[in-house]
Amino acid sequence: MELRKRVRHRLAVDAVFTWQGAEDSWLHGEGVTRDISVAGAFIFSLTCPPVGATIQLDMLLLPLDSGARSLRLKTEAAVIRVEHASAGANEGFAVVLEELNLGEGANVLGVSQRNRQ
């Protein structure tokens, strides 16, 4: 039975993320999305933040105008599940997006998920 409230779309884009680790150190990871929706995403990565961590997530969604400009999504997200590598499965983690910030390159527009529900 499907428990998701939003439809996820298969989309493989580069994702860069940071989170605060022990002793207030900032940790960094990179990966590729498996799927994404307006409420969440799954990211394949060898570096997985722990469940419950809040991450700063930056994804380059697609190039516009033959690569001259790009559309990027920046958001804060909460890690809700980590999947460790096993036979035939890749390592990665699922997040719930807190707020969507969508824009071209450095120009970013914010849309709060809390206000949309």
PDB file of N, CA and C in Angstrom:
ATOM      1  N   MET A   1       0.843  -1.178   0.000  1.00  0.00           N
ATOM      2  CA  MET A   1       0.000   0.000   0.000  1.00  0.00           C
ATOM      3  C   MET A   1       0.887   1.241   0.000  1.00  0.00           C
ATOM      4  N   GLU A   2       0.596   2.183  -0.880  1.00  0.00           N
ATOM      5  CA  GLU A   2       1.345   3.427  -0.993  1.00  0.00           C
ATOM      6  C   GLU A   2       0.927   4.386   0.119  1.00  0.00           C
ATOM      7  N   LEU A   3       1.896   4.866   0.892  1.00  0.00           N
ATOM      8  CA  LEU A   3       1.602   5.769   2.002  1.00  0.00           C
ATOM      9  C   LEU A   3       1.909   7.231   1.682  1.00  0.00           C
ATOM     10  N   ARG A   4       2.577   7.493   0.573  1.00  0.00           N
ATOM     11  CA  ARG A   4       2.935   8.863   0.212  1.00  0.00           C
ATOM     12  C   ARG A   4       1.693   9.656  -0.162  1.00  0.00           C
ATOM     13  N   LYS A   5       1.711  10.947   0.239  1.00  0.00           N
ATOM     14  CA  LYS A   5       0.599  11.830  -0.084  1.00  0.00           C
ATOM     15  C   LYS A   5       0.838  12.573  -1.388  1.00  0.00           C
ATOM     16  N   ARG A   6       2.095  12.608  -1.845  1.00  0.00           N
ATOM     17  CA  ARG A   6       2.466  13.321  -3.068  1.00  0.00           C
ATOM     18  C   ARG A   6       3.063  12.345  -4.079  1.00  0.00           C
ATOM     19  N   VAL A   7       2.881  12.621  -5.338  1.00  0.00           N
ATOM     20  CA  VAL A   7       3.461  11.808  -6.398  1.00  0.00           C
ATOM     21  C   VAL A   7       4.933  12.170  -6.521  1.00  0.00           C
ATOM     22  N   ARG A   8       5.779  11.135  -6.543  1.00  0.00           N
ATOM     23  CA  ARG A   8       7.210  11.359  -6.761  1.00  0.00           C
ATOM     24  C   ARG A   8       7.513  11.110  -8.224  1.00  0.00           C
ATOM     25  N   HIS A   9       8.412  11.923  -8.755  1.00  0.00           N
ATOM     26  CA  HIS A   9       8.811  11.817 -10.153  1.00  0.00           C
ATOM     27  C   HIS A   9      10.255  11.352 -10.223  1.00  0.00           C
ATOM     28  N   ARG A  10      10.521  10.354 -11.058  1.00  0.00           N
ATOM     29  CA  ARG A  10      11.892   9.875 -11.249  1.00  0.00           C
ATOM     30  C   ARG A  10      12.685  11.002 -11.891  1.00  0.00           C
ATOM     31  N   LEU A  11      13.736  11.424 -11.203  1.00  0.00           N
ATOM     32  CA  LEU A  11      14.559  12.524 -11.688  1.00  0.00           C
ATOM     33  C   LEU A  11      15.951  12.373 -11.103  1.00  0.00           C
ATOM     34  N   ALA A  12      16.937  12.194 -11.955  1.00  0.00           N
ATOM     35  CA  ALA A  12      18.321  12.029 -11.511  1.00  0.00           C
ATOM     36  C   ALA A  12      19.074  13.336 -11.727  1.00  0.00           C
ATOM     37  N   VAL A  13      19.263  14.098 -10.636  1.00  0.00           N
ATOM     38  CA  VAL A  13      20.013  15.358 -10.689  1.00  0.00           C
ATOM     39  C   VAL A  13      21.039  15.363  -9.566  1.00  0.00           C
ATOM     40  N   ASP A  14      22.109  16.128  -9.765  1.00  0.00           N
ATOM     41  CA  ASP A  14      23.146  16.245  -8.744  1.00  0.00           C
ATOM     42  C   ASP A  14      22.598  16.951  -7.507  1.00  0.00           C
ATOM     43  N   ALA A  15      22.976  16.440  -6.349  1.00  0.00           N
ATOM     44  CA  ALA A  15      22.560  17.023  -5.068  1.00  0.00           C
ATOM     45  C   ALA A  15      23.795  17.214  -4.188  1.00  0.00           C
ATOM     46  N   VAL A  16      23.895  18.377  -3.566  1.00  0.00           N
ATOM     47  CA  VAL A  16      24.953  18.684  -2.616  1.00  0.00           C
ATOM     48  C   VAL A  16      24.263  19.038  -1.311  1.00  0.00           C
ATOM     49  N   PHE A  17      24.761  18.532  -0.189  1.00  0.00           N
ATOM     50  CA  PHE A  17      24.094  18.786   1.083  1.00  0.00           C
ATOM     51  C   PHE A  17      25.109  18.941   2.217  1.00  0.00           C
ATOM     52  N   THR A  18      24.698  19.676   3.240  1.00  0.00           N
ATOM     53  CA  THR A  18      25.505  19.858   4.446  1.00  0.00           C
ATOM     54  C   THR A  18      24.606  19.685   5.654  1.00  0.00           C
ATOM     55  N   TRP A  19      25.209  19.292   6.768  1.00  0.00           N
ATOM     56  CA  TRP A  19      24.487  19.195   8.030  1.00  0.00           C
ATOM     57  C   TRP A  19      25.476  19.368   9.159  1.00  0.00           C
ATOM     58  N   GLN A  20      24.934  19.709  10.323  1.00  0.00           N
ATOM     59  CA  GLN A  20      25.769  19.941  11.498  1.00  0.00           C
ATOM     60  C   GLN A  20      25.976  18.624  12.236  1.00  0.00           C
ATOM     61  N   GLY A  21      27.251  18.275  12.425  1.00  0.00           N
ATOM     62  CA  GLY A  21      27.595  17.030  13.093  1.00  0.00           C
ATOM     63  C   GLY A  21      27.940  17.265  14.554  1.00  0.00           C
ATOM     64  N   ALA A  22      28.662  16.314  15.109  1.00  0.00           N
ATOM     65  CA  ALA A  22      29.079  16.405  16.503  1.00  0.00           C
ATOM     66  C   ALA A  22      29.990  17.615  16.712  1.00  0.00           C
ATOM     67  N   GLU A  23      29.917  18.166  17.892  1.00  0.00           N
ATOM     68  CA  GLU A  23      30.750  19.313  18.279  1.00  0.00           C
ATOM     69  C   GLU A  23      30.601  20.484  17.313  1.00  0.00           C
ATOM     70  N   ASP A  24      29.403  20.665  16.771  1.00  0.00           N
ATOM     71  CA  ASP A  24      29.072  21.782  15.875  1.00  0.00           C
ATOM     72  C   ASP A  24      29.913  21.842  14.613  1.00  0.00           C
ATOM     73  N   SER A  25      30.482  20.726  14.176  1.00  0.00           N
ATOM     74  CA  SER A  25      31.225  20.699  12.913  1.00  0.00           C
ATOM     75  C   SER A  25      30.234  20.551  11.765  1.00  0.00           C
ATOM     76  N   TRP A  26      30.562  21.121  10.622  1.00  0.00           N
ATOM     77  CA  TRP A  26      29.701  21.013   9.446  1.00  0.00           C
ATOM     78  C   TRP A  26      30.227  19.917   8.548  1.00  0.00           C
ATOM     79  N   LEU A  27      29.349  19.014   8.153  1.00  0.00           N
ATOM     80  CA  LEU A  27      29.697  17.890   7.301  1.00  0.00           C
ATOM     81  C   LEU A  27      29.094  18.106   5.919  1.00  0.00           C
ATOM     82  N   HIS A  28      29.730  17.519   4.913  1.00  0.00           N
ATOM     83  CA  HIS A  28      29.361  17.765   3.518  1.00  0.00           C
ATOM     84  C   HIS A  28      29.200  16.431   2.788  1.00  0.00           C
ATOM     85  N   GLY A  29      28.210  16.358   1.904  1.00  0.00           N
ATOM     86  CA  GLY A  29      28.026  15.169   1.092  1.00  0.00           C
ATOM     87  C   GLY A  29      27.500  15.529  -0.282  1.00  0.00           C
ATOM     88  N   GLU A  30      27.639  14.576  -1.195  1.00  0.00           N
ATOM     89  CA  GLU A  30      27.144  14.745  -2.555  1.00  0.00           C
ATOM     90  C   GLU A  30      26.444  13.469  -2.979  1.00  0.00           C
ATOM     91  N   GLY A  31      25.492  13.612  -3.884  1.00  0.00           N
ATOM     92  CA  GLY A  31      24.792  12.439  -4.383  1.00  0.00           C
ATOM     93  C   GLY A  31      23.981  12.771  -5.619  1.00  0.00           C
ATOM     94  N   VAL A  32      23.087  11.854  -5.963  1.00  0.00           N
ATOM     95  CA  VAL A  32      22.202  12.004  -7.116  1.00  0.00           C
ATOM     96  C   VAL A  32      20.804  11.602  -6.671  1.00  0.00           C
ATOM     97  N   THR A  33      19.815  12.398  -7.037  1.00  0.00           N
ATOM     98  CA  THR A  33      18.445  12.059  -6.648  1.00  0.00           C
ATOM     99  C   THR A  33      17.950  10.853  -7.433  1.00  0.00           C
ATOM    100  N   ARG A  34      17.126  10.050  -6.777  1.00  0.00           N
ATOM    101  CA  ARG A  34      16.428   8.948  -7.444  1.00  0.00           C
ATOM    102  C   ARG A  34      15.054   9.430  -7.880  1.00  0.00           C
ATOM    103  N   ASP A  35      14.389  10.149  -6.982  1.00  0.00           N
ATOM    104  CA  ASP A  35      13.078  10.717  -7.268  1.00  0.00           C
ATOM    105  C   ASP A  35      12.865  11.935  -6.383  1.00  0.00           C
ATOM    106  N   ILE A  36      11.874  12.742  -6.767  1.00  0.00           N
ATOM    107  CA  ILE A  36      11.602  13.982  -6.042  1.00  0.00           C
ATOM    108  C   ILE A  36      10.123  14.342  -6.191  1.00  0.00           C
ATOM    109  N   SER A  37       9.583  14.988  -5.167  1.00  0.00           N
ATOM    110  CA  SER A  37       8.228  15.538  -5.220  1.00  0.00           C
ATOM    111  C   SER A  37       8.265  16.894  -4.541  1.00  0.00           C
ATOM    112  N   VAL A  38       7.126  17.567  -4.458  1.00  0.00           N
ATOM    113  CA  VAL A  38       7.101  18.860  -3.772  1.00  0.00           C
ATOM    114  C   VAL A  38       7.255  18.691  -2.263  1.00  0.00           C
ATOM    115  N   ALA A  39       7.147  17.462  -1.776  1.00  0.00           N
ATOM    116  CA  ALA A  39       7.231  17.221  -0.335  1.00  0.00           C
ATOM    117  C   ALA A  39       8.472  16.446   0.101  1.00  0.00           C
ATOM    118  N   GLY A  40       9.162  15.761  -0.818  1.00  0.00           N
ATOM    119  CA  GLY A  40      10.288  14.948  -0.403  1.00  0.00           C
ATOM    120  C   GLY A  40      11.140  14.482  -1.556  1.00  0.00           C
ATOM    121  N   ALA A  41      12.216  13.753  -1.209  1.00  0.00           N
ATOM    122  CA  ALA A  41      13.130  13.228  -2.221  1.00  0.00           C
ATOM    123  C   ALA A  41      13.903  12.048  -1.650  1.00  0.00           C
ATOM    124  N   PHE A  42      14.461  11.239  -2.550  1.00  0.00           N
ATOM    125  CA  PHE A  42      15.391  10.192  -2.151  1.00  0.00           C
ATOM    126  C   PHE A  42      16.690  10.480  -2.876  1.00  0.00           C
ATOM    127  N   ILE A  43      17.813  10.421  -2.129  1.00  0.00           N
ATOM    128  CA  ILE A  43      19.124  10.760  -2.678  1.00  0.00           C
ATOM    129  C   ILE A  43      20.062   9.576  -2.516  1.00  0.00           C
ATOM    130  N   PHE A  44      20.636   9.108  -3.644  1.00  0.00           N
ATOM    131  CA  PHE A  44      21.680   8.095  -3.589  1.00  0.00           C
ATOM    132  C   PHE A  44      22.972   8.791  -3.190  1.00  0.00           C
ATOM    133  N   SER A  45      23.647   8.274  -2.173  1.00  0.00           N
ATOM    134  CA  SER A  45      24.907   8.866  -1.731  1.00  0.00           C
ATOM    135  C   SER A  45      25.665   7.880  -0.864  1.00  0.00           C
ATOM    136  N   LEU A  46      26.992   7.911  -0.953  1.00  0.00           N
ATOM    137  CA  LEU A  46      27.819   7.106  -0.060  1.00  0.00           C
ATOM    138  C   LEU A  46      27.952   7.779   1.301  1.00  0.00           C
ATOM    139  N   THR A  47      27.627   9.076   1.368  1.00  0.00           N
ATOM    140  CA  THR A  47      27.642   9.835   2.613  1.00  0.00           C
ATOM    141  C   THR A  47      26.203  10.101   3.012  1.00  0.00           C
ATOM    142  N   CYS A  48      25.738   9.479   4.093  1.00  0.00           N
ATOM    143  CA  CYS A  48      24.343   9.641   4.515  1.00  0.00           C
ATOM    144  C   CYS A  48      24.278  10.285   5.894  1.00  0.00           C
ATOM    145  N   PRO A  49      23.574  11.414   6.012  1.00  0.00           N
ATOM    146  CA  PRO A  49      23.349  12.006   7.327  1.00  0.00           C
ATOM    147  C   PRO A  49      22.476  11.069   8.165  1.00  0.00           C
ATOM    148  N   PRO A  50      22.531  11.183   9.480  1.00  0.00           N
ATOM    149  CA  PRO A  50      21.710  10.309  10.313  1.00  0.00           C
ATOM    150  C   PRO A  50      20.228  10.686  10.262  1.00  0.00           C
ATOM    151  N   VAL A  51      19.374   9.719  10.551  1.00  0.00           N
ATOM    152  CA  VAL A  51      17.938   9.977  10.640  1.00  0.00           C
ATOM    153  C   VAL A  51      17.715  11.063  11.684  1.00  0.00           C
ATOM    154  N   GLY A  52      16.873  12.024  11.354  1.00  0.00           N
ATOM    155  CA  GLY A  52      16.581  13.134  12.252  1.00  0.00           C
ATOM    156  C   GLY A  52      17.412  14.370  11.982  1.00  0.00           C
ATOM    157  N   ALA A  53      18.482  14.234  11.203  1.00  0.00           N
ATOM    158  CA  ALA A  53      19.331  15.386  10.895  1.00  0.00           C
ATOM    159  C   ALA A  53      18.594  16.355   9.975  1.00  0.00           C
ATOM    160  N   THR A  54      18.858  17.632  10.160  1.00  0.00           N
ATOM    161  CA  THR A  54      18.361  18.666   9.258  1.00  0.00           C
ATOM    162  C   THR A  54      19.498  19.013   8.314  1.00  0.00           C
ATOM    163  N   ILE A  55      19.238  18.929   7.014  1.00  0.00           N
ATOM    164  CA  ILE A  55      20.278  19.206   6.033  1.00  0.00           C
ATOM    165  C   ILE A  55      19.925  20.435   5.204  1.00  0.00           C
ATOM    166  N   GLN A  56      20.946  21.089   4.690  1.00  0.00           N
ATOM    167  CA  GLN A  56      20.793  22.144   3.694  1.00  0.00           C
ATOM    168  C   GLN A  56      21.054  21.459   2.359  1.00  0.00           C
ATOM    169  N   LEU A  57      20.079  21.466   1.474  1.00  0.00           N
ATOM    170  CA  LEU A  57      20.135  20.704   0.228  1.00  0.00           C
ATOM    171  C   LEU A  57      20.094  21.643  -0.963  1.00  0.00           C
ATOM    172  N   ASP A  58      20.991  21.420  -1.915  1.00  0.00           N
ATOM    173  CA  ASP A  58      21.081  22.231  -3.123  1.00  0.00           C
ATOM    174  C   ASP A  58      21.101  21.283  -4.315  1.00  0.00           C
ATOM    175  N   MET A  59      20.124  21.434  -5.236  1.00  0.00           N
ATOM    176  CA  MET A  59      20.041  20.572  -6.412  1.00  0.00           C
ATOM    177  C   MET A  59      19.982  21.416  -7.672  1.00  0.00           C
ATOM    178  N   LEU A  60      20.801  21.072  -8.653  1.00  0.00           N
ATOM    179  CA  LEU A  60      20.766  21.714  -9.959  1.00  0.00           C
ATOM    180  C   LEU A  60      19.793  20.906 -10.809  1.00  0.00           C
ATOM    181  N   LEU A  61      18.592  21.439 -11.020  1.00  0.00           N
ATOM    182  CA  LEU A  61      17.528  20.669 -11.659  1.00  0.00           C
ATOM    183  C   LEU A  61      17.731  20.481 -13.150  1.00  0.00           C
ATOM    184  N   LEU A  62      17.977  21.543 -13.881  1.00  0.00           N
ATOM    185  CA  LEU A  62      18.177  21.385 -15.314  1.00  0.00           C
ATOM    186  C   LEU A  62      18.737  22.661 -15.910  1.00  0.00           C
ATOM    187  N   PRO A  63      19.497  22.519 -16.980  1.00  0.00           N
ATOM    188  CA  PRO A  63      19.994  23.716 -17.662  1.00  0.00           C
ATOM    189  C   PRO A  63      18.886  24.334 -18.508  1.00  0.00           C
ATOM    190  N   LEU A  64      18.881  25.645 -18.559  1.00  0.00           N
ATOM    191  CA  LEU A  64      17.940  26.380 -19.403  1.00  0.00           C
ATOM    192  C   LEU A  64      18.708  26.996 -20.564  1.00  0.00           C
ATOM    193  N   ASP A  65      18.063  27.227 -21.681  1.00  0.00           N
ATOM    194  CA  ASP A  65      18.683  27.887 -22.841  1.00  0.00           C
ATOM    195  C   ASP A  65      20.016  27.266 -23.228  1.00  0.00           C
ATOM    196  N   SER A  66      20.031  25.977 -23.478  1.00  0.00           N
ATOM    197  CA  SER A  66      21.229  25.261 -23.927  1.00  0.00           C
ATOM    198  C   SER A  66      22.402  25.403 -22.966  1.00  0.00           C
ATOM    199  N   GLY A  67      22.115  25.438 -21.677  1.00  0.00           N
ATOM    200  CA  GLY A  67      23.179  25.448 -20.676  1.00  0.00           C
ATOM    201  C   GLY A  67      23.651  26.825 -20.256  1.00  0.00           C
ATOM    202  N   ALA A  68      23.143  27.892 -20.854  1.00  0.00           N
ATOM    203  CA  ALA A  68      23.581  29.238 -20.482  1.00  0.00           C
ATOM    204  C   ALA A  68      23.084  29.620 -19.085  1.00  0.00           C
ATOM    205  N   ARG A  69      21.915  29.126 -18.696  1.00  0.00           N
ATOM    206  CA  ARG A  69      21.344  29.392 -17.376  1.00  0.00           C
ATOM    207  C   ARG A  69      20.911  28.069 -16.777  1.00  0.00           C
ATOM    208  N   SER A  70      20.740  28.059 -15.462  1.00  0.00           N
ATOM    209  CA  SER A  70      20.318  26.815 -14.820  1.00  0.00           C
ATOM    210  C   SER A  70      19.211  27.081 -13.816  1.00  0.00           C
ATOM    211  N   LEU A  71      18.400  26.056 -13.586  1.00  0.00           N
ATOM    212  CA  LEU A  71      17.330  26.100 -12.599  1.00  0.00           C
ATOM    213  C   LEU A  71      17.803  25.296 -11.404  1.00  0.00           C
ATOM    214  N   ARG A  72      17.788  25.908 -10.219  1.00  0.00           N
ATOM    215  CA  ARG A  72      18.262  25.197  -9.037  1.00  0.00           C
ATOM    216  C   ARG A  72      17.246  25.286  -7.917  1.00  0.00           C
ATOM    217  N   LEU A  73      17.262  24.266  -7.077  1.00  0.00           N
ATOM    218  CA  LEU A  73      16.380  24.177  -5.925  1.00  0.00           C
ATOM    219  C   LEU A  73      17.254  24.143  -4.679  1.00  0.00           C
ATOM    220  N   LYS A  74      16.987  25.041  -3.744  1.00  0.00           N
ATOM    221  CA  LYS A  74      17.677  25.044  -2.460  1.00  0.00           C
ATOM    222  C   LYS A  74      16.613  24.887  -1.390  1.00  0.00           C
ATOM    223  N   THR A  75      16.901  24.031  -0.416  1.00  0.00           N
ATOM    224  CA  THR A  75      15.911  23.782   0.623  1.00  0.00           C
ATOM    225  C   THR A  75      16.569  23.285   1.891  1.00  0.00           C
ATOM    226  N   GLU A  76      15.837  23.376   2.959  1.00  0.00           N
ATOM    227  CA  GLU A  76      16.192  22.703   4.195  1.00  0.00           C
ATOM    228  C   GLU A  76      15.320  21.461   4.239  1.00  0.00           C
ATOM    229  N   ALA A  77      15.890  20.345   4.673  1.00  0.00           N
ATOM    230  CA  ALA A  77      15.143  19.083   4.661  1.00  0.00           C
ATOM    231  C   ALA A  77      15.484  18.266   5.893  1.00  0.00           C
ATOM    232  N   ALA A  78      14.571  17.400   6.293  1.00  0.00           N
ATOM    233  CA  ALA A  78      14.777  16.511   7.437  1.00  0.00           C
ATOM    234  C   ALA A  78      14.951  15.081   6.927  1.00  0.00           C
ATOM    235  N   VAL A  79      16.019  14.412   7.384  1.00  0.00           N
ATOM    236  CA  VAL A  79      16.279  13.027   6.987  1.00  0.00           C
ATOM    237  C   VAL A  79      15.320  12.122   7.751  1.00  0.00           C
ATOM    238  N   ILE A  80      14.537  11.314   7.010  1.00  0.00           N
ATOM    239  CA  ILE A  80      13.546  10.453   7.662  1.00  0.00           C
ATOM    240  C   ILE A  80      13.876   8.971   7.548  1.00  0.00           C
ATOM    241  N   ARG A  81      14.796   8.616   6.604  1.00  0.00           N
ATOM    242  CA  ARG A  81      15.153   7.200   6.439  1.00  0.00           C
ATOM    243  C   ARG A  81      16.512   7.102   5.765  1.00  0.00           C
ATOM    244  N   VAL A  82      17.326   6.147   6.227  1.00  0.00           N
ATOM    245  CA  VAL A  82      18.615   5.867   5.596  1.00  0.00           C
ATOM    246  C   VAL A  82      18.600   4.408   5.165  1.00  0.00           C
ATOM    247  N   GLU A  83      18.980   4.153   3.915  1.00  0.00           N
ATOM    248  CA  GLU A  83      19.065   2.791   3.400  1.00  0.00           C
ATOM    249  C   GLU A  83      20.525   2.478   3.126  1.00  0.00           C
ATOM    250  N   HIS A  84      21.051   1.465   3.801  1.00  0.00           N
ATOM    251  CA  HIS A  84      22.437   1.061   3.613  1.00  0.00           C
ATOM    252  C   HIS A  84      22.537   0.081   2.458  1.00  0.00           C
ATOM    253  N   ALA A  85      23.677   0.087   1.793  1.00  0.00           N
ATOM    254  CA  ALA A  85      23.889  -0.764   0.621  1.00  0.00           C
ATOM    255  C   ALA A  85      23.710  -2.230   0.983  1.00  0.00           C
ATOM    256  N   SER A  86      23.039  -2.953   0.112  1.00  0.00           N
ATOM    257  CA  SER A  86      22.883  -4.399   0.244  1.00  0.00           C
ATOM    258  C   SER A  86      22.930  -4.983  -1.161  1.00  0.00           C
ATOM    259  N   ALA A  87      22.805  -6.267  -1.276  1.00  0.00           N
ATOM    260  CA  ALA A  87      22.865  -6.923  -2.588  1.00  0.00           C
ATOM    261  C   ALA A  87      21.838  -6.315  -3.537  1.00  0.00           C
ATOM    262  N   GLY A  88      22.318  -5.692  -4.595  1.00  0.00           N
ATOM    263  CA  GLY A  88      21.425  -5.140  -5.606  1.00  0.00           C
ATOM    264  C   GLY A  88      20.810  -3.798  -5.266  1.00  0.00           C
ATOM    265  N   ALA A  89      21.118  -3.221  -4.112  1.00  0.00           N
ATOM    266  CA  ALA A  89      20.532  -1.936  -3.721  1.00  0.00           C
ATOM    267  C   ALA A  89      21.634  -0.925  -3.436  1.00  0.00           C
ATOM    268  N   ASN A  90      21.384   0.327  -3.790  1.00  0.00           N
ATOM    269  CA  ASN A  90      22.334   1.405  -3.540  1.00  0.00           C
ATOM    270  C   ASN A  90      22.068   2.059  -2.193  1.00  0.00           C
ATOM    271  N   GLU A  91      23.098   2.674  -1.653  1.00  0.00           N
ATOM    272  CA  GLU A  91      22.970   3.382  -0.385  1.00  0.00           C
ATOM    273  C   GLU A  91      22.390   4.766  -0.636  1.00  0.00           C
ATOM    274  N   GLY A  92      21.563   5.231   0.282  1.00  0.00           N
ATOM    275  CA  GLY A  92      20.983   6.555   0.139  1.00  0.00           C
ATOM    276  C   GLY A  92      20.059   6.887   1.295  1.00  0.00           C
ATOM    277  N   PHE A  93      19.351   8.023   1.166  1.00  0.00           N
ATOM    278  CA  PHE A  93      18.473   8.466   2.243  1.00  0.00           C
ATOM    279  C   PHE A  93      17.284   9.247   1.694  1.00  0.00           C
ATOM    280  N   ALA A  94      16.202   9.248   2.477  1.00  0.00           N
ATOM    281  CA  ALA A  94      14.978   9.960   2.122  1.00  0.00           C
ATOM    282  C   ALA A  94      14.850  11.194   2.997  1.00  0.00           C
ATOM    283  N   VAL A  95      14.327  12.270   2.413  1.00  0.00           N
ATOM    284  CA  VAL A  95      14.134  13.514   3.145  1.00  0.00           C
ATOM    285  C   VAL A  95      12.727  14.056   2.929  1.00  0.00           C
ATOM    286  N   VAL A  96      12.277  14.819   3.901  1.00  0.00           N
ATOM    287  CA  VAL A  96      11.062  15.615   3.783  1.00  0.00           C
ATOM    288  C   VAL A  96      11.525  17.049   3.608  1.00  0.00           C
ATOM    289  N   LEU A  97      11.063  17.701   2.555  1.00  0.00           N
ATOM    290  CA  LEU A  97      11.468  19.076   2.270  1.00  0.00           C
ATOM    291  C   LEU A  97      10.693  20.037   3.159  1.00  0.00           C
ATOM    292  N   GLU A  98      11.416  20.965   3.790  1.00  0.00           N
ATOM    293  CA  GLU A  98      10.779  21.935   4.678  1.00  0.00           C
ATOM    294  C   GLU A  98      10.287  23.159   3.907  1.00  0.00           C
ATOM    295  N   GLU A  99      11.091  23.617   2.979  1.00  0.00           N
ATOM    296  CA  GLU A  99      10.780  24.835   2.242  1.00  0.00           C
ATOM    297  C   GLU A  99      11.445  24.740   0.883  1.00  0.00           C
ATOM    298  N   LEU A 100      10.757  25.112  -0.160  1.00  0.00           N
ATOM    299  CA  LEU A 100      11.340  25.085  -1.499  1.00  0.00           C
ATOM    300  C   LEU A 100      11.801  26.473  -1.884  1.00  0.00           C
ATOM    301  N   ASN A 101      13.015  26.581  -2.385  1.00  0.00           N
ATOM    302  CA  ASN A 101      13.554  27.813  -2.920  1.00  0.00           C
ATOM    303  C   ASN A 101      14.023  27.511  -4.327  1.00  0.00           C
ATOM    304  N   LEU A 102      13.303  28.045  -5.302  1.00  0.00           N
ATOM    305  CA  LEU A 102      13.523  27.715  -6.693  1.00  0.00           C
ATOM    306  C   LEU A 102      13.933  28.969  -7.440  1.00  0.00           C
ATOM    307  N   GLY A 103      14.946  28.860  -8.280  1.00  0.00           N
ATOM    308  CA  GLY A 103      15.356  30.032  -9.047  1.00  0.00           C
ATOM    309  C   GLY A 103      16.399  29.705 -10.082  1.00  0.00           C
ATOM    310  N   GLU A 104      16.794  30.733 -10.831  1.00  0.00           N
ATOM    311  CA  GLU A 104      17.836  30.602 -11.836  1.00  0.00           C
ATOM    312  C   GLU A 104      19.165  30.926 -11.189  1.00  0.00           C
ATOM    313  N   GLY A 105      20.136  30.039 -11.329  1.00  0.00           N
ATOM    314  CA  GLY A 105      21.474  30.288 -10.811  1.00  0.00           C
ATOM    315  C   GLY A 105      21.449  30.809  -9.398  1.00  0.00           C
ATOM    316  N   ALA A 106      21.913  32.036  -9.182  1.00  0.00           N
ATOM    317  CA  ALA A 106      21.969  32.626  -7.847  1.00  0.00           C
ATOM    318  C   ALA A 106      20.637  33.232  -7.420  1.00  0.00           C
ATOM    319  N   ASN A 107      19.721  33.493  -8.361  1.00  0.00           N
ATOM    320  CA  ASN A 107      18.420  34.062  -8.025  1.00  0.00           C
ATOM    321  C   ASN A 107      17.502  32.961  -7.542  1.00  0.00           C
ATOM    322  N   VAL A 108      17.044  33.075  -6.317  1.00  0.00           N
ATOM    323  CA  VAL A 108      16.242  32.007  -5.727  1.00  0.00           C
ATOM    324  C   VAL A 108      14.960  32.583  -5.143  1.00  0.00           C
ATOM    325  N   LEU A 109      13.829  31.942  -5.455  1.00  0.00           N
ATOM    326  CA  LEU A 109      12.526  32.329  -4.930  1.00  0.00           C
ATOM    327  C   LEU A 109      12.100  31.322  -3.883  1.00  0.00           C
ATOM    328  N   GLY A 110      11.534  31.745  -2.773  1.00  0.00           N
ATOM    329  CA  GLY A 110      11.129  30.832  -1.706  1.00  0.00           C
ATOM    330  C   GLY A 110       9.645  30.536  -1.709  1.00  0.00           C
ATOM    331  N   VAL A 111       9.300  29.282  -1.456  1.00  0.00           N
ATOM    332  CA  VAL A 111       7.910  28.846  -1.303  1.00  0.00           C
ATOM    333  C   VAL A 111       7.872  27.918  -0.108  1.00  0.00           C
ATOM    334  N   SER A 112       7.203  28.315   0.956  1.00  0.00           N
ATOM    335  CA  SER A 112       7.163  27.499   2.153  1.00  0.00           C
ATOM    336  C   SER A 112       6.198  26.335   2.012  1.00  0.00           C
ATOM    337  N   GLN A 113       6.648  25.124   2.343  1.00  0.00           N
ATOM    338  CA  GLN A 113       5.779  23.954   2.331  1.00  0.00           C
ATOM    339  C   GLN A 113       4.709  24.090   3.402  1.00  0.00           C
ATOM    340  N   ARG A 114       5.047  24.707   4.513  1.00  0.00           N
ATOM    341  CA  ARG A 114       4.085  24.844   5.610  1.00  0.00           C
ATOM    342  C   ARG A 114       2.877  25.656   5.184  1.00  0.00           C
ATOM    343  N   ASN A 115       3.084  26.636   4.296  1.00  0.00           N
ATOM    344  CA  ASN A 115       1.989  27.488   3.846  1.00  0.00           C
ATOM    345  C   ASN A 115       1.173  26.846   2.732  1.00  0.00           C
ATOM    346  N   ARG A 116       1.675  25.784   2.102  1.00  0.00           N
ATOM    347  CA  ARG A 116       0.990  25.159   0.969  1.00  0.00           C
ATOM    348  C   ARG A 116       0.078  24.032   1.384  1.00  0.00           C
ATOM    349  N   GLN A 117       0.187  23.570   2.621  1.00  0.00           N
ATOM    350  CA  GLN A 117      -0.600  22.405   3.032  1.00  0.00           C
ATOM    351  C   GLN A 117      -1.875  22.797   3.719  1.00  0.00           C
TER     352      GLN A 117
END
